[in-house]
Protein backbone atom coordinates (compact mmCIF):
# COMPACT_ATOMS: atom_id res chain seq x y z
CA MET A 1 -41.24 -50.40 -35.42
CA ASP A 2 -44.10 -50.15 -37.88
CA GLY A 3 -46.70 -50.96 -35.15
CA ILE A 4 -47.35 -54.72 -36.12
CA SER A 5 -48.24 -56.71 -33.09
CA PHE A 6 -46.10 -59.64 -31.96
CA ARG A 7 -48.91 -61.95 -32.57
CA ALA A 8 -49.39 -60.87 -36.19
CA LEU A 9 -45.69 -61.18 -36.80
CA GLY A 10 -45.79 -64.73 -35.14
CA ASN A 11 -48.65 -65.70 -37.58
CA VAL A 12 -46.28 -64.75 -40.51
CA LEU A 13 -43.24 -66.39 -39.09
CA GLY A 14 -44.86 -69.37 -37.66
CA LEU A 15 -43.79 -68.50 -34.10
CA SER A 16 -45.66 -67.70 -30.84
CA ALA A 17 -45.96 -64.06 -29.86
CA ALA A 18 -43.53 -64.71 -26.88
CA ALA A 19 -40.89 -66.10 -29.28
CA VAL A 20 -41.28 -63.13 -31.55
CA TYR A 21 -40.96 -60.77 -28.57
CA LEU A 22 -37.62 -62.51 -27.66
CA LYS A 23 -36.45 -62.27 -31.26
CA VAL A 24 -37.36 -58.65 -31.54
CA THR A 25 -35.72 -57.80 -28.27
CA LYS A 26 -32.47 -59.61 -29.31
CA GLU A 27 -32.45 -57.57 -32.56
CA MET A 28 -32.94 -54.37 -30.81
CA ASN A 29 -30.18 -55.01 -28.29
CA SER A 30 -27.88 -55.92 -31.20
CA LEU A 31 -28.43 -52.43 -32.75
CA PRO A 32 -25.71 -49.82 -32.28
CA ASP A 33 -26.24 -46.72 -30.26
CA ASN A 34 -27.71 -43.78 -32.25
CA THR A 35 -25.21 -41.36 -30.75
CA TRP A 36 -22.45 -43.63 -31.60
CA LEU A 37 -23.57 -43.85 -35.25
CA THR A 38 -23.53 -40.06 -35.45
CA GLN A 39 -20.13 -39.79 -33.83
CA THR A 40 -18.55 -42.48 -36.20
CA TYR A 41 -20.22 -41.95 -39.54
CA CYS A 42 -21.72 -38.37 -39.74
CA ASN A 43 -20.37 -34.88 -39.97
CA ARG A 44 -22.44 -32.99 -42.71
CA PHE A 45 -24.76 -31.17 -40.43
CA CYS A 46 -26.01 -27.50 -40.82
CA GLY A 47 -25.62 -26.64 -37.16
CA ILE A 48 -29.31 -25.48 -36.89
CA LEU A 49 -30.99 -27.76 -34.28
CA VAL A 50 -34.62 -27.91 -33.54
CA VAL A 51 -34.93 -29.37 -29.96
CA ASP A 52 -37.92 -30.72 -28.05
CA GLY A 53 -39.01 -33.38 -25.52
CA LYS A 54 -41.68 -36.01 -25.90
CA TYR A 55 -43.02 -37.48 -22.69
CA VAL A 56 -43.29 -41.34 -22.39
CA LYS A 57 -44.80 -43.65 -19.87
CA VAL A 58 -42.30 -45.90 -18.05
CA LYS A 59 -43.03 -48.32 -15.29
CA GLY A 60 -41.62 -47.17 -11.99
CA TYR A 61 -42.05 -43.36 -12.61
CA LYS A 62 -45.32 -41.65 -11.27
CA GLN A 63 -45.33 -39.19 -14.17
CA LYS A 64 -44.31 -39.61 -17.81
CA ILE A 65 -40.60 -38.80 -18.43
CA PRO A 66 -38.99 -36.97 -21.37
CA PHE A 67 -37.29 -38.26 -24.37
CA ILE A 68 -35.22 -35.29 -25.54
CA TYR A 69 -33.98 -35.19 -29.06
CA GLY A 70 -32.94 -32.83 -31.76
CA ILE A 71 -33.34 -32.52 -35.62
CA ASP A 72 -30.73 -30.95 -37.73
CA TYR A 73 -33.02 -28.49 -39.71
CA LEU A 74 -31.68 -28.70 -43.28
CA THR A 75 -31.05 -32.40 -43.33
CA HIS A 76 -33.85 -33.63 -41.11
CA ASP A 77 -31.40 -35.95 -39.45
CA ILE A 78 -31.52 -36.74 -35.67
CA PRO A 79 -27.90 -36.83 -34.28
CA VAL A 80 -28.72 -37.34 -30.77
CA GLY A 81 -31.68 -38.37 -28.47
CA ILE A 82 -31.77 -39.23 -24.70
CA LEU A 83 -34.28 -40.59 -22.21
CA ALA A 84 -34.08 -38.71 -18.90
CA PRO A 85 -35.88 -38.95 -15.56
CA SER A 86 -36.87 -35.46 -15.96
CA GLU A 87 -36.50 -32.28 -18.08
CA ASN A 88 -33.93 -30.61 -15.92
CA GLU A 89 -30.43 -29.11 -16.23
CA GLU A 90 -28.64 -32.34 -15.69
CA ALA A 91 -30.66 -33.92 -18.69
CA PHE A 92 -29.80 -31.15 -21.03
CA LEU A 93 -26.12 -31.04 -19.87
CA LYS A 94 -25.90 -34.73 -21.02
CA PHE A 95 -27.70 -33.93 -24.25
CA PHE A 96 -25.34 -31.11 -25.30
CA ARG A 97 -22.33 -33.17 -24.10
CA LEU A 98 -23.20 -36.00 -26.35
CA LEU A 99 -23.77 -33.50 -29.19
CA LYS A 100 -20.38 -32.06 -28.59
CA ALA A 101 -18.81 -35.57 -28.42
CA CYS A 102 -20.23 -35.95 -32.05
CA LYS A 103 -18.54 -32.64 -32.96
CA TYR A 104 -21.93 -31.24 -33.90
CA PRO A 105 -21.30 -27.75 -35.26
CA LEU A 106 -24.10 -26.23 -33.18
CA ARG A 107 -24.88 -22.59 -34.14
CA VAL A 108 -28.42 -22.03 -33.01
CA VAL A 109 -31.04 -23.95 -31.03
CA ILE A 110 -34.72 -23.61 -31.79
CA CYS A 111 -36.73 -24.47 -28.59
CA ASP A 112 -39.55 -23.82 -26.28
CA ASP A 113 -38.72 -21.57 -23.28
CA ARG A 114 -36.80 -23.74 -20.95
CA PHE A 115 -34.36 -22.24 -18.46
CA ALA A 116 -32.55 -25.52 -17.91
CA LEU A 117 -31.78 -25.77 -21.63
CA GLY A 118 -30.29 -22.32 -21.81
CA THR A 119 -28.09 -22.97 -18.88
CA ALA A 120 -26.72 -26.27 -20.23
CA LEU A 121 -26.28 -24.81 -23.79
CA ARG A 122 -24.10 -21.97 -22.30
CA TYR A 123 -21.89 -24.47 -20.56
CA HIS A 124 -21.12 -26.72 -23.65
CA TYR A 125 -21.74 -24.32 -26.42
CA PRO A 126 -21.08 -20.86 -25.17
CA LYS A 127 -21.19 -19.20 -28.59
CA ALA A 128 -24.42 -20.89 -29.79
CA LYS A 129 -27.68 -18.86 -30.03
CA VAL A 130 -31.21 -19.47 -29.05
CA GLN A 131 -34.31 -18.94 -31.07
CA LEU A 132 -37.47 -19.24 -28.99
CA CYS A 133 -40.42 -20.91 -30.58
CA GLN A 134 -42.64 -17.80 -31.67
CA ASN A 135 -45.64 -20.07 -31.92
CA HIS A 136 -45.45 -21.09 -28.23
CA TYR A 137 -44.48 -17.54 -27.10
CA ILE A 138 -47.65 -16.17 -28.91
CA GLU A 139 -49.76 -18.82 -27.51
CA ASN A 140 -48.64 -17.92 -24.00
CA ILE A 141 -49.46 -14.16 -24.70
CA ARG A 142 -52.98 -15.35 -25.88
CA GLN A 143 -53.70 -17.38 -22.77
CA ALA A 144 -52.55 -14.55 -20.54
CA LEU A 145 -54.86 -12.16 -22.20
CA HIS A 146 -57.74 -14.78 -22.38
CA THR A 147 -58.54 -13.57 -25.91
CA ARG A 148 -60.63 -16.74 -26.68
CA ILE A 149 -63.24 -15.98 -23.97
CA ASP A 150 -62.74 -12.16 -23.32
CA PRO A 151 -62.77 -9.67 -26.18
CA GLU A 152 -61.28 -6.90 -24.08
CA HIS A 153 -57.65 -7.52 -25.32
CA VAL A 154 -58.33 -8.90 -28.84
CA ARG A 155 -57.39 -5.76 -30.73
CA PHE A 156 -54.16 -5.33 -28.65
CA PHE A 157 -53.34 -8.97 -29.28
CA ASN A 158 -54.00 -8.72 -33.00
CA HIS A 159 -51.65 -5.73 -33.27
CA VAL A 160 -48.88 -7.58 -31.45
CA TYR A 161 -49.41 -10.62 -33.53
CA THR A 162 -49.53 -8.73 -36.86
CA TYR A 163 -46.89 -6.02 -36.44
CA ILE A 164 -44.37 -7.58 -34.04
CA PHE A 165 -44.46 -11.30 -35.05
CA GLY A 166 -46.10 -11.20 -38.28
CA ARG A 167 -43.05 -10.33 -40.48
CA PRO A 168 -39.20 -10.14 -40.42
CA GLN A 169 -38.17 -6.65 -39.54
CA SER A 170 -35.11 -4.57 -38.63
CA THR A 171 -34.34 -3.78 -35.14
CA ASN A 172 -35.38 -0.13 -35.62
CA LYS A 173 -38.73 -1.17 -36.88
CA LEU A 174 -39.20 -3.58 -33.97
CA TYR A 175 -38.56 -0.72 -31.49
CA GLU A 176 -40.90 1.50 -33.35
CA TYR A 177 -43.77 -0.93 -33.33
CA LEU A 178 -43.16 -1.84 -29.70
CA HIS A 179 -43.18 1.86 -28.62
CA ARG A 180 -46.20 2.59 -30.72
CA ILE A 181 -48.28 -0.17 -29.24
CA LEU A 182 -47.10 0.62 -25.78
CA THR A 183 -48.14 4.25 -25.98
CA THR A 184 -51.36 3.69 -27.86
CA GLN A 185 -52.67 0.52 -26.33
CA ALA A 186 -50.86 -0.25 -23.07
CA LYS A 187 -50.38 3.10 -21.56
CA ILE A 188 -52.76 2.41 -18.47
CA ASP A 189 -52.83 -1.43 -18.60
CA PRO A 190 -50.07 -3.31 -16.47
CA LEU A 191 -50.75 -6.61 -18.23
CA ARG A 192 -50.35 -5.18 -21.67
CA GLN A 193 -47.30 -3.18 -20.52
CA ALA A 194 -45.75 -6.37 -19.08
CA ILE A 195 -46.19 -8.21 -22.40
CA ILE A 196 -44.59 -5.43 -24.39
CA MET A 197 -41.69 -5.14 -22.00
CA GLY A 198 -41.24 -8.95 -22.06
CA ILE A 199 -41.02 -8.97 -25.82
CA TYR A 200 -38.40 -6.14 -25.54
CA LYS A 201 -36.26 -7.92 -22.98
CA ARG A 202 -36.25 -11.19 -25.01
CA LYS A 203 -35.94 -9.67 -28.43
CA LYS A 204 -32.71 -11.45 -29.18
CA GLU A 205 -34.08 -14.82 -28.44
CA LEU A 206 -37.45 -14.15 -30.22
CA PHE A 207 -35.93 -12.73 -33.43
CA GLN A 208 -32.52 -14.59 -33.81
CA TYR A 209 -33.81 -16.17 -36.91
CA THR A 210 -33.54 -12.93 -38.83
CA GLN A 211 -29.60 -12.94 -38.16
CA ILE A 212 -29.06 -16.54 -39.16
CA GLU A 213 -29.78 -17.79 -42.64
CA ASN A 214 -32.25 -20.68 -42.92
CA CYS A 215 -33.07 -20.61 -39.19
CA PRO A 216 -36.76 -21.27 -38.61
CA LYS A 217 -38.73 -19.19 -35.96
CA ASP A 218 -40.69 -22.04 -34.65
CA THR A 219 -40.56 -25.82 -33.78
CA ASN A 220 -43.02 -27.06 -36.31
CA LEU A 221 -40.62 -29.65 -37.78
CA ILE A 222 -39.99 -31.45 -34.50
CA GLU A 223 -43.59 -31.11 -33.52
CA LEU A 224 -44.50 -33.10 -36.78
CA TYR A 225 -42.04 -35.83 -35.67
CA ASN A 226 -43.56 -35.82 -32.24
CA SER A 227 -46.99 -36.52 -33.73
CA HIS A 228 -45.55 -39.50 -35.63
CA LEU A 229 -43.98 -40.74 -32.33
CA GLN A 230 -47.17 -40.16 -30.40
CA ALA A 231 -49.02 -42.41 -33.02
CA ARG A 232 -46.71 -45.24 -32.30
CA LEU A 233 -46.56 -44.84 -28.54
CA LYS A 234 -50.40 -45.23 -28.42
CA SER A 235 -50.18 -48.78 -29.25
CA ILE A 236 -47.39 -49.39 -26.79
CA LYS A 237 -49.19 -47.81 -23.92
CA GLY A 238 -45.96 -47.77 -21.90
CA PHE A 239 -42.62 -49.43 -21.25
CA LYS A 240 -41.85 -52.00 -18.58
CA SER A 241 -38.53 -50.39 -17.66
CA PHE A 242 -36.25 -47.42 -18.40
CA ARG A 243 -33.95 -49.85 -20.17
CA ALA A 244 -36.86 -51.10 -22.32
CA ALA A 245 -37.86 -47.59 -23.20
CA GLU A 246 -34.28 -46.66 -24.06
CA ARG A 247 -33.87 -49.75 -26.31
CA TRP A 248 -37.08 -49.09 -28.25
CA LEU A 249 -36.47 -45.28 -28.63
CA ASN A 250 -32.98 -46.02 -29.88
CA ALA A 251 -34.34 -48.41 -32.44
CA TYR A 252 -36.98 -45.78 -33.38
CA LEU A 253 -34.43 -43.12 -33.97
CA ILE A 254 -32.35 -45.39 -36.24
CA ARG A 255 -35.53 -46.40 -38.05
CA ARG A 256 -36.46 -42.75 -38.70
CA ARG A 257 -33.00 -41.88 -39.89
CA LEU A 258 -32.79 -44.78 -42.28
CA LYS A 259 -36.37 -44.54 -43.67
CA PRO A 260 -36.32 -42.50 -46.98
CA LEU A 261 -38.24 -39.26 -46.69
CA THR A 262 -41.41 -38.99 -49.00
CA ASP A 263 -43.53 -36.22 -47.77
CA CYS A 264 -41.29 -33.17 -47.67
CA ASP A 265 -42.68 -30.21 -49.55
CA SER A 266 -41.78 -26.53 -50.29
CA LYS A 267 -38.04 -25.78 -49.67
CA PHE A 268 -37.43 -29.42 -48.46
CA ARG A 269 -38.81 -31.18 -51.40
CA HIS A 270 -35.20 -32.10 -52.45
CA LEU A 271 -34.86 -34.35 -49.38
CA ASN A 272 -37.51 -36.84 -50.68
CA GLY A 273 -36.14 -40.15 -51.89
CA LYS A 274 -33.16 -40.48 -49.61
CA CYS A 275 -32.99 -41.07 -45.88
CA SER A 276 -31.74 -38.35 -43.51
CA PHE A 277 -28.76 -40.50 -42.33
CA GLU A 278 -27.36 -40.59 -45.89
CA ARG A 279 -27.53 -36.74 -46.05
CA THR A 280 -25.16 -36.35 -43.07
CA LEU A 281 -22.68 -39.26 -43.83
CA LYS A 282 -18.99 -38.20 -44.04
CA ARG A 283 -18.00 -37.85 -47.56
CA GLY A 284 -16.71 -41.31 -48.94
CA GLU A 285 -18.54 -43.10 -46.12
CA SER A 286 -21.23 -45.72 -46.56
CA VAL A 287 -24.16 -46.75 -44.41
CA PRO A 288 -22.76 -49.48 -42.13
CA ALA A 289 -23.80 -52.94 -43.24
CA VAL A 290 -25.04 -53.80 -39.80
CA LEU A 291 -27.98 -51.47 -40.35
CA GLY A 292 -29.13 -53.61 -43.27
CA ILE A 293 -29.67 -50.95 -46.19
CA LYS A 294 -27.55 -50.16 -49.20
CA HIS A 295 -26.01 -46.69 -49.56
CA HIS A 296 -27.19 -44.71 -52.58
CA SER A 297 -24.43 -42.55 -54.02
CA GLY A 298 -24.94 -39.03 -54.99
């Protein structure tokens, strides 16, 4: 899981690379399912879930397929992750069904703009809210305006960025800024009008974070985890089957959950020194012995 090749491991253990591969595969097969671990041992989640998908290469599929997972924001734990043939409604229905089976107390999902996710969420968690990632939404506006190559809309974009997304604000202030920008800078421009009206129509999803304590307004946390996963996937270059990919990704999730955090800063500095799985363990519960680490009390 740390990226050491089978040949290098074989040199340490006095085995061939093929023998090491068989041994590693056997060990991975013996690991419990990550969702089962959550369902059996964990219940101290905050209910603020950052969700994203990381695409992986699997033999038999023309395109890369999504590994969808979620991070509990305040604990950084990963309760559920699934590999799916595509990022469609069926995949998200399964994802939220597993979360519900774990009795995850979902209050809000922070995610990119995906219609299939919203539909599945409403089916399993009708009271849960959605916070769209503002970073992605802003980047979509930037691309629509071509601000990197065309200076025509730069001033308009800067006003939207600064006065609409740049600070938490009350509903009244939001309406005031939207109306001001609409009447002063978008009065005769259909594209600018569409952008302002789009923000107005999706104001609840874009500014949900102002109503829920500790809710982030972007998916930066899971994107950092995605970069770590991508670094490991580079050396693998692809999986030989769907089952092989599931097996490795399950082991990867467990590894992430059991590895003590070391690089958290700012408001998450207190998470350093313990693994995220321990943060969500039921009170009085210990890390199961089969996972091979000792539980640190406290």
